[in-house]
Amino acid sequence: MEVEKVETQQQQKMKQVHLFYCVESEELARNVAAHSELITLQSINWRNFDDGFPNLFINNAENLRGQHVAFLASFSSPGVIFEQLSVIYALPRLFVASFSLVLPFFPTGSFERMEEEGDVATAFTMARILSNIPISRGGPTSLVIYDIHALQERFYFGDHVLPLFVTGIPLLKQRLHQLPEADKIVVAFPDDGAWKRFHKLLDHFPMVVCAKVREGDKRIVRIKEGNPAGCHVVIVDDLVQSGGTLIECQKVLAAHGATKVSAYVTHGVFPKRSWERFTHKNNGMENAFAYFWITDSCPHTVKAIANKPPFEVLSLAGSIADALQI
């Protein structure tokens, strides 16, 4: 009876969430809703006027009063940010009980500091924009972000939002435990920054830390500590752009005796189709990576790499569904 009472109390605390989404995040939104009966998908008419500016309409707006509302965003390019911000700013003003914004990939996260006078830290700019989301009846907006590039960026946000920083590493750990050689896995980090971000989440695996060192006019990847010999080595980082560093790490690890090399990044950005460098085909990189795991935080990439080894997508859907109940 006590167990049933506790379960009933927990169910009563769960929120029925109305989830809106941008066009490119529709598949992820449907997967999130499939993970929980408490999440109901809602829709927006994404249209444009003849001059190109957004002509937007929030469907079912009159029935959102007193309801918990969330929006799944994807700031994949500057061109889509304005229309999504227009909706994001409008939803909390519909007398909703609470508002949550899920932005799996914070796109300006790697531009968080100034190297010299005149540099613009656009991570701070984006944080200021999001910090001005109107407060809903339930208080500040909950902002869910996965594996932000620099942890100090949490201090860029104002008091109108409550940033919730989540990680995709549990998805990687689950996948690694499914591999037949799970007891021969070593985790490698391409630099000290990746080690600082993730080593506590992966501390039960042996580790290798790489570093870039200058030799003349070149920066060469070297192993700083650890031994990859005889093991399946998985390189872990928060994001990938061109993939050059990962390729150099793979070469060094293989030269030091790694039997296999794989990679995991939460955010597969891959501008200009740079993911093609990693596909299993006769281009010099054939089978260099046994697996390349990414999450579905960047929807355009997910579509591009579908059914293309060595890529596998580890979906954030279940994690997002859980985060919407916090």
C-alpha atoms as a PDB file:
ATOM      1  CA  MET A   1       0.000   0.000   0.000  1.00  0.00           C
ATOM      2  CA  GLU A   2       2.817   2.404   0.864  1.00  0.00           C
ATOM      3  CA  VAL A   3       4.531   1.720  -2.464  1.00  0.00           C
ATOM      4  CA  GLU A   4       1.288   2.361  -4.360  1.00  0.00           C
ATOM      5  CA  LYS A   5       0.783   5.571  -2.386  1.00  0.00           C
ATOM      6  CA  VAL A   6       4.269   6.813  -3.275  1.00  0.00           C
ATOM      7  CA  GLU A   7       3.766   5.934  -6.960  1.00  0.00           C
ATOM      8  CA  THR A   8       0.440   7.789  -6.959  1.00  0.00           C
ATOM      9  CA  GLN A   9       2.062  10.863  -5.399  1.00  0.00           C
ATOM     10  CA  GLN A  10       4.841  10.777  -7.999  1.00  0.00           C
ATOM     11  CA  GLN A  11       2.334  10.535 -10.841  1.00  0.00           C
ATOM     12  CA  GLN A  12       0.424  13.502  -9.433  1.00  0.00           C
ATOM     13  CA  LYS A  13       3.622  15.571  -9.530  1.00  0.00           C
ATOM     14  CA  MET A  14       4.224  14.815 -13.213  1.00  0.00           C
ATOM     15  CA  LYS A  15       3.372  17.582 -15.672  1.00  0.00           C
ATOM     16  CA  GLN A  16       1.291  17.366 -18.813  1.00  0.00           C
ATOM     17  CA  VAL A  17       3.470  19.290 -21.264  1.00  0.00           C
ATOM     18  CA  HIS A  18       2.402  20.865 -24.559  1.00  0.00           C
ATOM     19  CA  LEU A  19       5.452  20.672 -26.839  1.00  0.00           C
ATOM     20  CA  PHE A  20       5.900  23.016 -29.795  1.00  0.00           C
ATOM     21  CA  TYR A  21       8.817  22.638 -32.194  1.00  0.00           C
ATOM     22  CA  CYS A  22      10.547  24.254 -35.150  1.00  0.00           C
ATOM     23  CA  VAL A  23      10.343  22.706 -38.610  1.00  0.00           C
ATOM     24  CA  GLU A  24      13.706  20.958 -38.610  1.00  0.00           C
ATOM     25  CA  SER A  25      13.162  19.479 -35.115  1.00  0.00           C
ATOM     26  CA  GLU A  26       9.872  17.764 -35.969  1.00  0.00           C
ATOM     27  CA  GLU A  27      11.317  14.233 -36.015  1.00  0.00           C
ATOM     28  CA  LEU A  28      13.058  14.717 -32.661  1.00  0.00           C
ATOM     29  CA  ALA A  29       9.877  16.241 -31.191  1.00  0.00           C
ATOM     30  CA  ARG A  30       7.851  13.209 -32.294  1.00  0.00           C
ATOM     31  CA  ASN A  31      10.424  10.917 -30.708  1.00  0.00           C
ATOM     32  CA  VAL A  32      10.263  12.914 -27.460  1.00  0.00           C
ATOM     33  CA  ALA A  33       6.473  12.613 -27.399  1.00  0.00           C
ATOM     34  CA  ALA A  34       6.743   8.873 -28.061  1.00  0.00           C
ATOM     35  CA  HIS A  35       8.716   8.526 -24.816  1.00  0.00           C
ATOM     36  CA  SER A  36       5.965   9.954 -22.603  1.00  0.00           C
ATOM     37  CA  GLU A  37       2.182   9.995 -22.561  1.00  0.00           C
ATOM     38  CA  LEU A  38       2.476  13.273 -20.659  1.00  0.00           C
ATOM     39  CA  ILE A  39       3.804  15.135 -23.705  1.00  0.00           C
ATOM     40  CA  THR A  40       1.352  16.408 -26.316  1.00  0.00           C
ATOM     41  CA  LEU A  41       2.661  17.802 -29.591  1.00  0.00           C
ATOM     42  CA  GLN A  42       1.373  21.178 -30.701  1.00  0.00           C
ATOM     43  CA  SER A  43       1.967  22.959 -33.982  1.00  0.00           C
ATOM     44  CA  ILE A  44       2.873  26.329 -35.430  1.00  0.00           C
ATOM     45  CA  ASN A  45       2.178  27.616 -38.925  1.00  0.00           C
ATOM     46  CA  TRP A  46       5.618  28.630 -40.191  1.00  0.00           C
ATOM     47  CA  ARG A  47       4.916  30.961 -43.100  1.00  0.00           C
ATOM     48  CA  ASN A  48       6.537  34.008 -44.652  1.00  0.00           C
ATOM     49  CA  PHE A  49       5.256  37.228 -46.111  1.00  0.00           C
ATOM     50  CA  ASP A  50       6.250  38.136 -49.649  1.00  0.00           C
ATOM     51  CA  ASP A  51       9.168  40.204 -48.310  1.00  0.00           C
ATOM     52  CA  GLY A  52      10.595  37.115 -46.586  1.00  0.00           C
ATOM     53  CA  PHE A  53       9.815  38.066 -42.997  1.00  0.00           C
ATOM     54  CA  PRO A  54       7.983  35.516 -40.812  1.00  0.00           C
ATOM     55  CA  ASN A  55       4.190  35.233 -40.847  1.00  0.00           C
ATOM     56  CA  LEU A  56       3.657  32.963 -37.846  1.00  0.00           C
ATOM     57  CA  PHE A  57       0.604  31.520 -36.111  1.00  0.00           C
ATOM     58  CA  ILE A  58       0.508  29.499 -32.873  1.00  0.00           C
ATOM     59  CA  ASN A  59      -2.244  26.925 -33.190  1.00  0.00           C
ATOM     60  CA  ASN A  60      -4.460  26.184 -30.177  1.00  0.00           C
ATOM     61  CA  ALA A  61      -3.152  29.304 -28.397  1.00  0.00           C
ATOM     62  CA  GLU A  62      -6.438  29.981 -26.582  1.00  0.00           C
ATOM     63  CA  ASN A  63      -6.273  26.590 -24.861  1.00  0.00           C
ATOM     64  CA  LEU A  64      -2.769  27.046 -23.442  1.00  0.00           C
ATOM     65  CA  ARG A  65      -3.773  29.157 -20.452  1.00  0.00           C
ATOM     66  CA  GLY A  66      -2.713  27.465 -17.245  1.00  0.00           C
ATOM     67  CA  GLN A  67      -0.855  24.734 -19.157  1.00  0.00           C
ATOM     68  CA  HIS A  68       2.819  23.722 -19.082  1.00  0.00           C
ATOM     69  CA  VAL A  69       4.364  24.631 -22.425  1.00  0.00           C
ATOM     70  CA  ALA A  70       7.717  23.859 -24.025  1.00  0.00           C
ATOM     71  CA  PHE A  71       9.442  24.671 -27.302  1.00  0.00           C
ATOM     72  CA  LEU A  72      12.065  22.509 -29.031  1.00  0.00           C
ATOM     73  CA  ALA A  73      14.420  24.811 -30.936  1.00  0.00           C
ATOM     74  CA  SER A  74      17.251  24.359 -33.404  1.00  0.00           C
ATOM     75  CA  PHE A  75      19.419  27.406 -34.078  1.00  0.00           C
ATOM     76  CA  SER A  76      21.171  25.750 -37.011  1.00  0.00           C
ATOM     77  CA  SER A  77      21.837  28.996 -38.879  1.00  0.00           C
ATOM     78  CA  PRO A  78      21.324  32.729 -38.315  1.00  0.00           C
ATOM     79  CA  GLY A  79      18.501  32.658 -40.870  1.00  0.00           C
ATOM     80  CA  VAL A  80      16.171  30.554 -38.711  1.00  0.00           C
ATOM     81  CA  ILE A  81      16.859  32.141 -35.334  1.00  0.00           C
ATOM     82  CA  PHE A  82      14.607  35.200 -35.693  1.00  0.00           C
ATOM     83  CA  GLU A  83      11.427  33.281 -36.510  1.00  0.00           C
ATOM     84  CA  GLN A  84      12.005  30.875 -33.638  1.00  0.00           C
ATOM     85  CA  LEU A  85      12.745  33.687 -31.201  1.00  0.00           C
ATOM     86  CA  SER A  86       9.484  35.324 -32.219  1.00  0.00           C
ATOM     87  CA  VAL A  87       7.594  32.214 -31.105  1.00  0.00           C
ATOM     88  CA  ILE A  88       9.768  31.720 -28.020  1.00  0.00           C
ATOM     89  CA  TYR A  89       9.007  35.263 -26.860  1.00  0.00           C
ATOM     90  CA  ALA A  90       5.272  34.848 -27.575  1.00  0.00           C
ATOM     91  CA  LEU A  91       4.537  31.540 -25.816  1.00  0.00           C
ATOM     92  CA  PRO A  92       5.203  32.634 -22.189  1.00  0.00           C
ATOM     93  CA  ARG A  93       2.821  35.584 -22.666  1.00  0.00           C
ATOM     94  CA  LEU A  94      -0.148  33.282 -23.307  1.00  0.00           C
ATOM     95  CA  PHE A  95      -0.749  32.924 -19.523  1.00  0.00           C
ATOM     96  CA  VAL A  96       0.914  29.519 -19.479  1.00  0.00           C
ATOM     97  CA  ALA A  97       1.649  27.845 -16.144  1.00  0.00           C
ATOM     98  CA  SER A  98       5.331  27.407 -17.059  1.00  0.00           C
ATOM     99  CA  PHE A  99       7.574  27.652 -20.089  1.00  0.00           C
ATOM    100  CA  SER A 100      10.588  25.509 -21.006  1.00  0.00           C
ATOM    101  CA  LEU A 101      12.922  26.059 -23.946  1.00  0.00           C
ATOM    102  CA  VAL A 102      14.935  23.073 -25.162  1.00  0.00           C
ATOM    103  CA  LEU A 103      17.928  24.158 -27.232  1.00  0.00           C
ATOM    104  CA  PRO A 104      19.977  20.961 -27.537  1.00  0.00           C
ATOM    105  CA  PHE A 105      22.901  22.679 -29.257  1.00  0.00           C
ATOM    106  CA  PHE A 106      23.965  26.163 -28.134  1.00  0.00           C
ATOM    107  CA  PRO A 107      25.554  27.166 -31.451  1.00  0.00           C
ATOM    108  CA  THR A 108      27.767  30.070 -30.380  1.00  0.00           C
ATOM    109  CA  GLY A 109      29.158  28.209 -27.375  1.00  0.00           C
ATOM    110  CA  SER A 110      32.705  28.004 -28.730  1.00  0.00           C
ATOM    111  CA  PHE A 111      32.867  31.804 -29.147  1.00  0.00           C
ATOM    112  CA  GLU A 112      32.837  32.548 -25.446  1.00  0.00           C
ATOM    113  CA  ARG A 113      35.926  34.703 -24.917  1.00  0.00           C
ATOM    114  CA  MET A 114      37.991  37.544 -26.339  1.00  0.00           C
ATOM    115  CA  GLU A 115      41.518  36.831 -27.543  1.00  0.00           C
ATOM    116  CA  GLU A 116      42.141  40.496 -28.352  1.00  0.00           C
ATOM    117  CA  GLU A 117      40.334  43.807 -28.208  1.00  0.00           C
ATOM    118  CA  GLY A 118      37.661  43.877 -30.913  1.00  0.00           C
ATOM    119  CA  ASP A 119      36.672  40.213 -30.721  1.00  0.00           C
ATOM    120  CA  VAL A 120      32.923  39.717 -30.215  1.00  0.00           C
ATOM    121  CA  ALA A 121      31.976  36.922 -27.813  1.00  0.00           C
ATOM    122  CA  THR A 122      28.740  35.870 -29.527  1.00  0.00           C
ATOM    123  CA  ALA A 123      28.071  33.235 -26.856  1.00  0.00           C
ATOM    124  CA  PHE A 124      27.423  36.142 -24.504  1.00  0.00           C
ATOM    125  CA  THR A 125      25.204  37.833 -27.126  1.00  0.00           C
ATOM    126  CA  MET A 126      23.060  34.707 -27.526  1.00  0.00           C
ATOM    127  CA  ALA A 127      22.813  34.293 -23.759  1.00  0.00           C
ATOM    128  CA  ARG A 128      21.592  37.888 -23.404  1.00  0.00           C
ATOM    129  CA  ILE A 129      18.948  37.351 -26.084  1.00  0.00           C
ATOM    130  CA  LEU A 130      17.648  34.222 -24.364  1.00  0.00           C
ATOM    131  CA  SER A 131      17.800  35.914 -20.962  1.00  0.00           C
ATOM    132  CA  ASN A 132      15.140  38.358 -22.132  1.00  0.00           C
ATOM    133  CA  ILE A 133      12.465  35.719 -22.742  1.00  0.00           C
ATOM    134  CA  PRO A 134       9.364  37.031 -20.926  1.00  0.00           C
ATOM    135  CA  ILE A 135       8.633  35.503 -17.541  1.00  0.00           C
ATOM    136  CA  SER A 136       5.597  33.226 -17.544  1.00  0.00           C
ATOM    137  CA  ARG A 137       3.029  32.916 -14.764  1.00  0.00           C
ATOM    138  CA  GLY A 138       5.166  30.111 -13.343  1.00  0.00           C
ATOM    139  CA  GLY A 139       8.333  32.200 -13.195  1.00  0.00           C
ATOM    140  CA  PRO A 140      11.566  32.186 -15.210  1.00  0.00           C
ATOM    141  CA  THR A 141      11.971  30.055 -18.316  1.00  0.00           C
ATOM    142  CA  SER A 142      13.694  26.689 -17.923  1.00  0.00           C
ATOM    143  CA  LEU A 143      16.412  26.515 -20.586  1.00  0.00           C
ATOM    144  CA  VAL A 144      17.690  23.010 -21.397  1.00  0.00           C
ATOM    145  CA  ILE A 145      21.062  22.816 -23.188  1.00  0.00           C
ATOM    146  CA  TYR A 146      23.206  19.734 -23.873  1.00  0.00           C
ATOM    147  CA  ASP A 147      26.975  19.716 -23.373  1.00  0.00           C
ATOM    148  CA  ILE A 148      27.604  23.441 -23.676  1.00  0.00           C
ATOM    149  CA  HIS A 149      31.132  24.115 -24.865  1.00  0.00           C
ATOM    150  CA  ALA A 150      32.331  26.054 -21.810  1.00  0.00           C
ATOM    151  CA  LEU A 151      30.803  25.585 -18.370  1.00  0.00           C
ATOM    152  CA  GLN A 152      31.435  29.212 -17.399  1.00  0.00           C
ATOM    153  CA  GLU A 153      28.797  30.202 -19.953  1.00  0.00           C
ATOM    154  CA  ARG A 154      26.140  29.477 -17.331  1.00  0.00           C
ATOM    155  CA  PHE A 155      27.114  32.820 -15.811  1.00  0.00           C
ATOM    156  CA  TYR A 156      26.275  34.651 -19.047  1.00  0.00           C
ATOM    157  CA  PHE A 157      22.536  34.148 -18.488  1.00  0.00           C
ATOM    158  CA  GLY A 158      20.338  36.595 -16.588  1.00  0.00           C
ATOM    159  CA  ASP A 159      17.734  35.913 -13.917  1.00  0.00           C
ATOM    160  CA  HIS A 160      14.797  35.545 -16.336  1.00  0.00           C
ATOM    161  CA  VAL A 161      16.005  32.067 -17.348  1.00  0.00           C
ATOM    162  CA  LEU A 162      17.115  29.034 -15.371  1.00  0.00           C
ATOM    163  CA  PRO A 163      19.718  27.172 -17.454  1.00  0.00           C
ATOM    164  CA  LEU A 164      19.687  23.394 -17.054  1.00  0.00           C
ATOM    165  CA  PHE A 165      22.882  21.906 -18.476  1.00  0.00           C
ATOM    166  CA  VAL A 166      22.474  18.264 -19.431  1.00  0.00           C
ATOM    167  CA  THR A 167      24.897  15.797 -21.008  1.00  0.00           C
ATOM    168  CA  GLY A 168      24.619  13.129 -23.665  1.00  0.00           C
ATOM    169  CA  ILE A 169      27.344  10.993 -22.056  1.00  0.00           C
ATOM    170  CA  PRO A 170      24.875   8.508 -20.447  1.00  0.00           C
ATOM    171  CA  LEU A 171      23.777   7.574 -23.991  1.00  0.00           C
ATOM    172  CA  LEU A 172      27.385   6.861 -24.932  1.00  0.00           C
ATOM    173  CA  LYS A 173      27.992   4.779 -21.805  1.00  0.00           C
ATOM    174  CA  GLN A 174      24.898   2.715 -22.517  1.00  0.00           C
ATOM    175  CA  ARG A 175      26.069   2.078 -26.079  1.00  0.00           C
ATOM    176  CA  LEU A 176      29.600   1.161 -25.018  1.00  0.00           C
ATOM    177  CA  HIS A 177      28.313  -1.441 -22.582  1.00  0.00           C
ATOM    178  CA  GLN A 178      26.497  -3.097 -25.512  1.00  0.00           C
ATOM    179  CA  LEU A 179      29.716  -3.677 -27.434  1.00  0.00           C
ATOM    180  CA  PRO A 180      31.220  -7.192 -27.352  1.00  0.00           C
ATOM    181  CA  GLU A 181      34.657  -5.880 -26.293  1.00  0.00           C
ATOM    182  CA  ALA A 182      33.267  -3.602 -23.564  1.00  0.00           C
ATOM    183  CA  ASP A 183      36.053  -4.617 -21.184  1.00  0.00           C
ATOM    184  CA  LYS A 184      38.743  -3.442 -23.643  1.00  0.00           C
ATOM    185  CA  ILE A 185      37.535   0.120 -24.125  1.00  0.00           C
ATOM    186  CA  VAL A 186      39.707   3.136 -23.427  1.00  0.00           C
ATOM    187  CA  VAL A 187      38.327   6.691 -23.556  1.00  0.00           C
ATOM    188  CA  ALA A 188      40.507   9.342 -25.201  1.00  0.00           C
ATOM    189  CA  PHE A 189      40.202  13.101 -25.049  1.00  0.00           C
ATOM    190  CA  PRO A 190      41.583  15.269 -27.878  1.00  0.00           C
ATOM    191  CA  ASP A 191      42.672  18.008 -25.465  1.00  0.00           C
ATOM    192  CA  ASP A 192      42.624  19.112 -21.825  1.00  0.00           C
ATOM    193  CA  GLY A 193      39.335  20.957 -22.366  1.00  0.00           C
ATOM    194  CA  ALA A 194      37.490  17.767 -23.300  1.00  0.00           C
ATOM    195  CA  TRP A 195      39.103  15.976 -20.334  1.00  0.00           C
ATOM    196  CA  LYS A 196      37.893  18.686 -17.943  1.00  0.00           C
ATOM    197  CA  ARG A 197      34.348  18.513 -19.332  1.00  0.00           C
ATOM    198  CA  PHE A 198      33.877  14.754 -19.340  1.00  0.00           C
ATOM    199  CA  HIS A 199      36.416  12.774 -17.322  1.00  0.00           C
ATOM    200  CA  LYS A 200      34.304  12.607 -14.137  1.00  0.00           C
ATOM    201  CA  LEU A 201      31.421  11.116 -16.138  1.00  0.00           C
ATOM    202  CA  LEU A 202      33.676   8.410 -17.590  1.00  0.00           C
ATOM    203  CA  ASP A 203      36.076   7.773 -14.722  1.00  0.00           C
ATOM    204  CA  HIS A 204      35.498   4.005 -14.674  1.00  0.00           C
ATOM    205  CA  PHE A 205      37.168   3.715 -18.113  1.00  0.00           C
ATOM    206  CA  PRO A 206      40.946   3.839 -18.625  1.00  0.00           C
ATOM    207  CA  MET A 207      41.846   7.172 -20.230  1.00  0.00           C
ATOM    208  CA  VAL A 208      44.183   8.699 -22.765  1.00  0.00           C
ATOM    209  CA  VAL A 209      44.665  12.460 -23.040  1.00  0.00           C
ATOM    210  CA  CYS A 210      45.998  13.978 -26.247  1.00  0.00           C
ATOM    211  CA  ALA A 211      47.433  17.434 -26.773  1.00  0.00           C
ATOM    212  CA  LYS A 212      48.501  19.653 -29.644  1.00  0.00           C
ATOM    213  CA  VAL A 213      52.165  20.635 -29.532  1.00  0.00           C
ATOM    214  CA  ARG A 214      53.988  23.032 -31.797  1.00  0.00           C
ATOM    215  CA  GLU A 215      56.743  21.669 -34.016  1.00  0.00           C
ATOM    216  CA  GLY A 216      58.135  24.476 -36.142  1.00  0.00           C
ATOM    217  CA  ASP A 217      55.199  26.032 -37.977  1.00  0.00           C
ATOM    218  CA  LYS A 218      52.893  23.046 -37.390  1.00  0.00           C
ATOM    219  CA  ARG A 219      50.718  21.942 -34.487  1.00  0.00           C
ATOM    220  CA  ILE A 220      51.036  18.173 -34.033  1.00  0.00           C
ATOM    221  CA  VAL A 221      48.762  15.907 -31.964  1.00  0.00           C
ATOM    222  CA  ARG A 222      50.640  13.876 -29.376  1.00  0.00           C
ATOM    223  CA  ILE A 223      49.591  11.530 -26.563  1.00  0.00           C
ATOM    224  CA  LYS A 224      50.057  13.405 -23.297  1.00  0.00           C
ATOM    225  CA  GLU A 225      49.187  10.532 -20.951  1.00  0.00           C
ATOM    226  CA  GLY A 226      47.700   7.036 -21.048  1.00  0.00           C
ATOM    227  CA  ASN A 227      48.259   3.933 -23.174  1.00  0.00           C
ATOM    228  CA  PRO A 228      45.906   2.921 -26.028  1.00  0.00           C
ATOM    229  CA  ALA A 229      47.774  -0.269 -26.997  1.00  0.00           C
ATOM    230  CA  GLY A 230      45.587  -3.321 -27.589  1.00  0.00           C
ATOM    231  CA  CYS A 231      42.319  -1.505 -26.887  1.00  0.00           C
ATOM    232  CA  HIS A 232      39.267  -0.090 -28.631  1.00  0.00           C
ATOM    233  CA  VAL A 233      39.778   3.638 -28.078  1.00  0.00           C
ATOM    234  CA  VAL A 234      36.795   6.009 -28.137  1.00  0.00           C
ATOM    235  CA  ILE A 235      37.590   9.699 -28.645  1.00  0.00           C
ATOM    236  CA  VAL A 236      35.104  11.881 -26.744  1.00  0.00           C
ATOM    237  CA  ASP A 237      34.380  15.585 -27.297  1.00  0.00           C
ATOM    238  CA  ASP A 238      31.429  17.955 -27.128  1.00  0.00           C
ATOM    239  CA  LEU A 239      31.275  18.880 -30.826  1.00  0.00           C
ATOM    240  CA  VAL A 240      32.906  18.430 -34.198  1.00  0.00           C
ATOM    241  CA  GLN A 241      33.261  20.959 -37.000  1.00  0.00           C
ATOM    242  CA  SER A 242      35.716  20.010 -39.765  1.00  0.00           C
ATOM    243  CA  GLY A 243      36.907  16.911 -37.903  1.00  0.00           C
ATOM    244  CA  GLY A 244      40.591  17.592 -38.479  1.00  0.00           C
ATOM    245  CA  THR A 245      41.573  17.153 -34.842  1.00  0.00           C
ATOM    246  CA  LEU A 246      39.698  13.840 -34.575  1.00  0.00           C
ATOM    247  CA  ILE A 247      41.472  12.507 -37.663  1.00  0.00           C
ATOM    248  CA  GLU A 248      44.885  13.463 -36.279  1.00  0.00           C
ATOM    249  CA  CYS A 249      44.004  11.850 -32.939  1.00  0.00           C
ATOM    250  CA  GLN A 250      42.967   8.651 -34.720  1.00  0.00           C
ATOM    251  CA  LYS A 251      46.281   8.450 -36.520  1.00  0.00           C
ATOM    252  CA  VAL A 252      48.283   8.896 -33.315  1.00  0.00           C
ATOM    253  CA  LEU A 253      46.197   6.373 -31.372  1.00  0.00           C
ATOM    254  CA  ALA A 254      46.474   3.777 -34.147  1.00  0.00           C
ATOM    255  CA  ALA A 255      50.238   4.353 -34.336  1.00  0.00           C
ATOM    256  CA  HIS A 256      50.454   3.623 -30.607  1.00  0.00           C
ATOM    257  CA  GLY A 257      48.730   0.262 -30.913  1.00  0.00           C
ATOM    258  CA  ALA A 258      44.973   0.918 -30.653  1.00  0.00           C
ATOM    259  CA  THR A 259      43.151  -2.045 -32.228  1.00  0.00           C
ATOM    260  CA  LYS A 260      40.108   0.112 -33.061  1.00  0.00           C
ATOM    261  CA  VAL A 261      39.347   3.811 -32.871  1.00  0.00           C
ATOM    262  CA  SER A 262      35.838   5.271 -32.594  1.00  0.00           C
ATOM    263  CA  ALA A 263      34.517   8.726 -31.799  1.00  0.00           C
ATOM    264  CA  TYR A 264      31.634  10.313 -29.900  1.00  0.00           C
ATOM    265  CA  VAL A 265      30.510  13.928 -30.049  1.00  0.00           C
ATOM    266  CA  THR A 266      27.249  15.271 -28.707  1.00  0.00           C
ATOM    267  CA  HIS A 267      26.948  17.830 -31.495  1.00  0.00           C
ATOM    268  CA  GLY A 268      27.782  16.781 -35.046  1.00  0.00           C
ATOM    269  CA  VAL A 269      27.895  20.235 -36.631  1.00  0.00           C
ATOM    270  CA  PHE A 270      29.891  19.232 -39.746  1.00  0.00           C
ATOM    271  CA  PRO A 271      29.665  22.431 -41.854  1.00  0.00           C
ATOM    272  CA  LYS A 272      30.113  22.057 -45.614  1.00  0.00           C
ATOM    273  CA  ARG A 273      29.394  18.314 -45.437  1.00  0.00           C
ATOM    274  CA  SER A 274      32.666  17.676 -43.606  1.00  0.00           C
ATOM    275  CA  TRP A 275      31.128  14.436 -42.298  1.00  0.00           C
ATOM    276  CA  GLU A 276      32.057  12.940 -45.677  1.00  0.00           C
ATOM    277  CA  ARG A 277      35.668  12.686 -44.474  1.00  0.00           C
ATOM    278  CA  PHE A 278      34.629   9.917 -42.089  1.00  0.00           C
ATOM    279  CA  THR A 279      32.429   7.691 -44.247  1.00  0.00           C
ATOM    280  CA  HIS A 280      33.535   4.145 -45.031  1.00  0.00           C
ATOM    281  CA  LYS A 281      34.630   4.413 -48.652  1.00  0.00           C
ATOM    282  CA  ASN A 282      37.823   4.325 -50.651  1.00  0.00           C
ATOM    283  CA  ASN A 283      39.155   7.789 -49.879  1.00  0.00           C
ATOM    284  CA  GLY A 284      42.044   7.021 -47.570  1.00  0.00           C
ATOM    285  CA  MET A 285      39.847   7.074 -44.442  1.00  0.00           C
ATOM    286  CA  GLU A 286      38.159   3.726 -45.066  1.00  0.00           C
ATOM    287  CA  ASN A 287      37.425   2.064 -41.730  1.00  0.00           C
ATOM    288  CA  ALA A 288      39.692   4.480 -39.830  1.00  0.00           C
ATOM    289  CA  PHE A 289      36.805   4.878 -37.365  1.00  0.00           C
ATOM    290  CA  ALA A 290      34.921   1.757 -36.318  1.00  0.00           C
ATOM    291  CA  TYR A 291      32.004   3.833 -35.003  1.00  0.00           C
ATOM    292  CA  PHE A 292      31.201   7.528 -35.014  1.00  0.00           C
ATOM    293  CA  TRP A 293      28.402   8.327 -32.572  1.00  0.00           C
ATOM    294  CA  ILE A 294      26.523  11.617 -32.562  1.00  0.00           C
ATOM    295  CA  THR A 295      23.239  12.694 -30.996  1.00  0.00           C
ATOM    296  CA  ASP A 296      20.305  14.253 -32.836  1.00  0.00           C
ATOM    297  CA  SER A 297      21.032  17.748 -31.515  1.00  0.00           C
ATOM    298  CA  CYS A 298      21.805  18.921 -35.076  1.00  0.00           C
ATOM    299  CA  PRO A 299      18.875  17.693 -37.229  1.00  0.00           C
ATOM    300  CA  HIS A 300      20.403  18.565 -40.603  1.00  0.00           C
ATOM    301  CA  THR A 301      23.396  16.336 -39.895  1.00  0.00           C
ATOM    302  CA  VAL A 302      21.188  13.460 -38.738  1.00  0.00           C
ATOM    303  CA  LYS A 303      19.421  13.447 -42.099  1.00  0.00           C
ATOM    304  CA  ALA A 304      22.667  13.733 -44.034  1.00  0.00           C
ATOM    305  CA  ILE A 305      24.463  10.799 -42.370  1.00  0.00           C
ATOM    306  CA  ALA A 306      21.510   8.392 -42.226  1.00  0.00           C
ATOM    307  CA  ASN A 307      22.595   4.827 -43.118  1.00  0.00           C
ATOM    308  CA  LYS A 308      26.184   5.919 -43.711  1.00  0.00           C
ATOM    309  CA  PRO A 309      28.750   3.914 -41.702  1.00  0.00           C
ATOM    310  CA  PRO A 310      30.487   4.517 -39.352  1.00  0.00           C
ATOM    311  CA  PHE A 311      27.822   6.946 -38.123  1.00  0.00           C
ATOM    312  CA  GLU A 312      25.226   6.007 -35.507  1.00  0.00           C
ATOM    313  CA  VAL A 313      22.744   8.402 -33.893  1.00  0.00           C
ATOM    314  CA  LEU A 314      22.115   8.212 -30.139  1.00  0.00           C
ATOM    315  CA  SER A 315      18.822  10.013 -29.631  1.00  0.00           C
ATOM    316  CA  LEU A 316      18.317  12.638 -26.934  1.00  0.00           C
ATOM    317  CA  ALA A 317      14.549  12.059 -27.033  1.00  0.00           C
ATOM    318  CA  GLY A 318      14.236  10.157 -23.755  1.00  0.00           C
ATOM    319  CA  SER A 319      16.558  12.555 -21.951  1.00  0.00           C
ATOM    320  CA  ILE A 320      14.577  15.560 -23.211  1.00  0.00           C
ATOM    321  CA  ALA A 321      11.299  13.956 -22.082  1.00  0.00           C
ATOM    322  CA  ASP A 322      12.806  13.542 -18.608  1.00  0.00           C
ATOM    323  CA  ALA A 323      14.152  17.104 -18.545  1.00  0.00           C
ATOM    324  CA  LEU A 324      10.690  18.503 -19.298  1.00  0.00           C
ATOM    325  CA  GLN A 325       9.481  17.031 -15.983  1.00  0.00           C
ATOM    326  CA  ILE A 326      12.041  18.906 -13.883  1.00  0.00           C
END
